[in-house]
């Protein structure tokens, strides 16, 4: 797991917590912020996944068979 994957995963979790806290407290603003943080985390994790694929393909050329 690379740095972007880990940070993205943590942002996603933090966003879920913030979303749920907003739901419990009745704060739509916090829910929206939480959902936005989740999206940001998923995007960052996706970037990390892509970097991982590129690095693996550099280390193992021709391994995609």
C-alpha atoms as a PDB file:
ATOM      1  CA  UNK A   1       0.000   0.000   0.000  1.00  0.00           C
ATOM      2  CA  UNK A   2       1.463   3.333  -0.996  1.00  0.00           C
ATOM      3  CA  UNK A   3       1.058   6.724   0.668  1.00  0.00           C
ATOM      4  CA  UNK A   4      -1.844   7.865  -1.539  1.00  0.00           C
ATOM      5  CA  UNK A   5      -3.755   4.640  -0.953  1.00  0.00           C
ATOM      6  CA  UNK A   6      -3.355   4.945   2.817  1.00  0.00           C
ATOM      7  CA  UNK A   7      -4.229   8.651   2.964  1.00  0.00           C
ATOM      8  CA  UNK A   8      -7.203   8.123   0.673  1.00  0.00           C
ATOM      9  CA  UNK A   9      -8.502   5.299   2.819  1.00  0.00           C
ATOM     10  CA  UNK A  10      -8.184   7.419   5.967  1.00  0.00           C
ATOM     11  CA  UNK A  11      -9.990  10.381   4.337  1.00  0.00           C
ATOM     12  CA  UNK A  12     -12.793   8.057   3.266  1.00  0.00           C
ATOM     13  CA  UNK A  13     -13.187   6.767   6.827  1.00  0.00           C
ATOM     14  CA  UNK A  14     -13.042  10.290   8.281  1.00  0.00           C
ATOM     15  CA  UNK A  15     -15.699  11.385   5.790  1.00  0.00           C
ATOM     16  CA  UNK A  16     -17.968   8.514   6.794  1.00  0.00           C
ATOM     17  CA  UNK A  17     -17.606   9.488  10.448  1.00  0.00           C
ATOM     18  CA  UNK A  18     -18.308  13.157   9.683  1.00  0.00           C
ATOM     19  CA  UNK A  19     -21.323  12.229   7.537  1.00  0.00           C
ATOM     20  CA  UNK A  20     -22.756  10.023  10.287  1.00  0.00           C
ATOM     21  CA  UNK A  21     -22.094  12.690  12.945  1.00  0.00           C
ATOM     22  CA  UNK A  22     -23.950  15.219  10.805  1.00  0.00           C
ATOM     23  CA  UNK A  23     -26.826  12.784  10.444  1.00  0.00           C
ATOM     24  CA  UNK A  24     -27.002  12.198  14.198  1.00  0.00           C
ATOM     25  CA  UNK A  25     -26.795  15.892  15.079  1.00  0.00           C
ATOM     26  CA  UNK A  26     -29.127  16.961  12.270  1.00  0.00           C
ATOM     27  CA  UNK A  27     -26.468  19.003  10.483  1.00  0.00           C
ATOM     28  CA  UNK A  28     -26.846  18.780   6.701  1.00  0.00           C
ATOM     29  CA  UNK A  29     -23.707  20.915   6.329  1.00  0.00           C
ATOM     30  CA  UNK A  30     -21.592  18.319   8.148  1.00  0.00           C
ATOM     31  CA  UNK A  31     -23.173  15.535   6.113  1.00  0.00           C
ATOM     32  CA  UNK A  32     -22.248  17.278   2.865  1.00  0.00           C
ATOM     33  CA  UNK A  33     -18.704  17.923   4.092  1.00  0.00           C
ATOM     34  CA  UNK A  34     -18.423  14.274   5.103  1.00  0.00           C
ATOM     35  CA  UNK A  35     -19.629  13.052   1.725  1.00  0.00           C
ATOM     36  CA  UNK A  36     -17.201  15.398  -0.026  1.00  0.00           C
ATOM     37  CA  UNK A  37     -14.350  14.067   2.106  1.00  0.00           C
ATOM     38  CA  UNK A  38     -15.369  10.515   1.185  1.00  0.00           C
ATOM     39  CA  UNK A  39     -15.225  11.360  -2.519  1.00  0.00           C
ATOM     40  CA  UNK A  40     -11.844  13.027  -2.069  1.00  0.00           C
ATOM     41  CA  UNK A  41     -10.568   9.960  -0.231  1.00  0.00           C
ATOM     42  CA  UNK A  42     -11.829   7.562  -2.891  1.00  0.00           C
ATOM     43  CA  UNK A  43     -10.190   9.662  -5.610  1.00  0.00           C
ATOM     44  CA  UNK A  44      -6.879   9.760  -3.751  1.00  0.00           C
ATOM     45  CA  UNK A  45      -7.017   6.009  -3.165  1.00  0.00           C
ATOM     46  CA  UNK A  46      -7.724   5.525  -6.881  1.00  0.00           C
ATOM     47  CA  UNK A  47      -4.681   7.630  -7.709  1.00  0.00           C
ATOM     48  CA  UNK A  48      -2.627   5.474  -5.364  1.00  0.00           C
ATOM     49  CA  UNK A  49      -3.992   2.333  -7.011  1.00  0.00           C
ATOM     50  CA  UNK A  50      -3.004   3.672 -10.438  1.00  0.00           C
ATOM     51  CA  UNK A  51       0.490   4.553  -9.220  1.00  0.00           C
ATOM     52  CA  UNK A  52       0.795   1.064  -7.785  1.00  0.00           C
ATOM     53  CA  UNK A  53      -0.174  -0.508 -11.120  1.00  0.00           C
ATOM     54  CA  UNK A  54       2.374   1.624 -12.963  1.00  0.00           C
ATOM     55  CA  UNK A  55       5.126   0.774 -10.480  1.00  0.00           C
ATOM     56  CA  UNK A  56       4.317  -2.927 -10.659  1.00  0.00           C
ATOM     57  CA  UNK A  57       4.369  -2.870 -14.445  1.00  0.00           C
ATOM     58  CA  UNK A  58       7.787  -1.197 -14.376  1.00  0.00           C
ATOM     59  CA  UNK A  59       9.122  -3.824 -11.977  1.00  0.00           C
ATOM     60  CA  UNK A  60       7.580  -6.770 -13.855  1.00  0.00           C
ATOM     61  CA  UNK A  61       7.413  -5.998 -17.585  1.00  0.00           C
ATOM     62  CA  UNK A  62       5.347  -8.527 -19.491  1.00  0.00           C
ATOM     63  CA  UNK A  63       3.614  -9.826 -16.355  1.00  0.00           C
ATOM     64  CA  UNK A  64       0.186  -8.809 -17.622  1.00  0.00           C
ATOM     65  CA  UNK A  65      -0.277 -12.114 -19.437  1.00  0.00           C
END
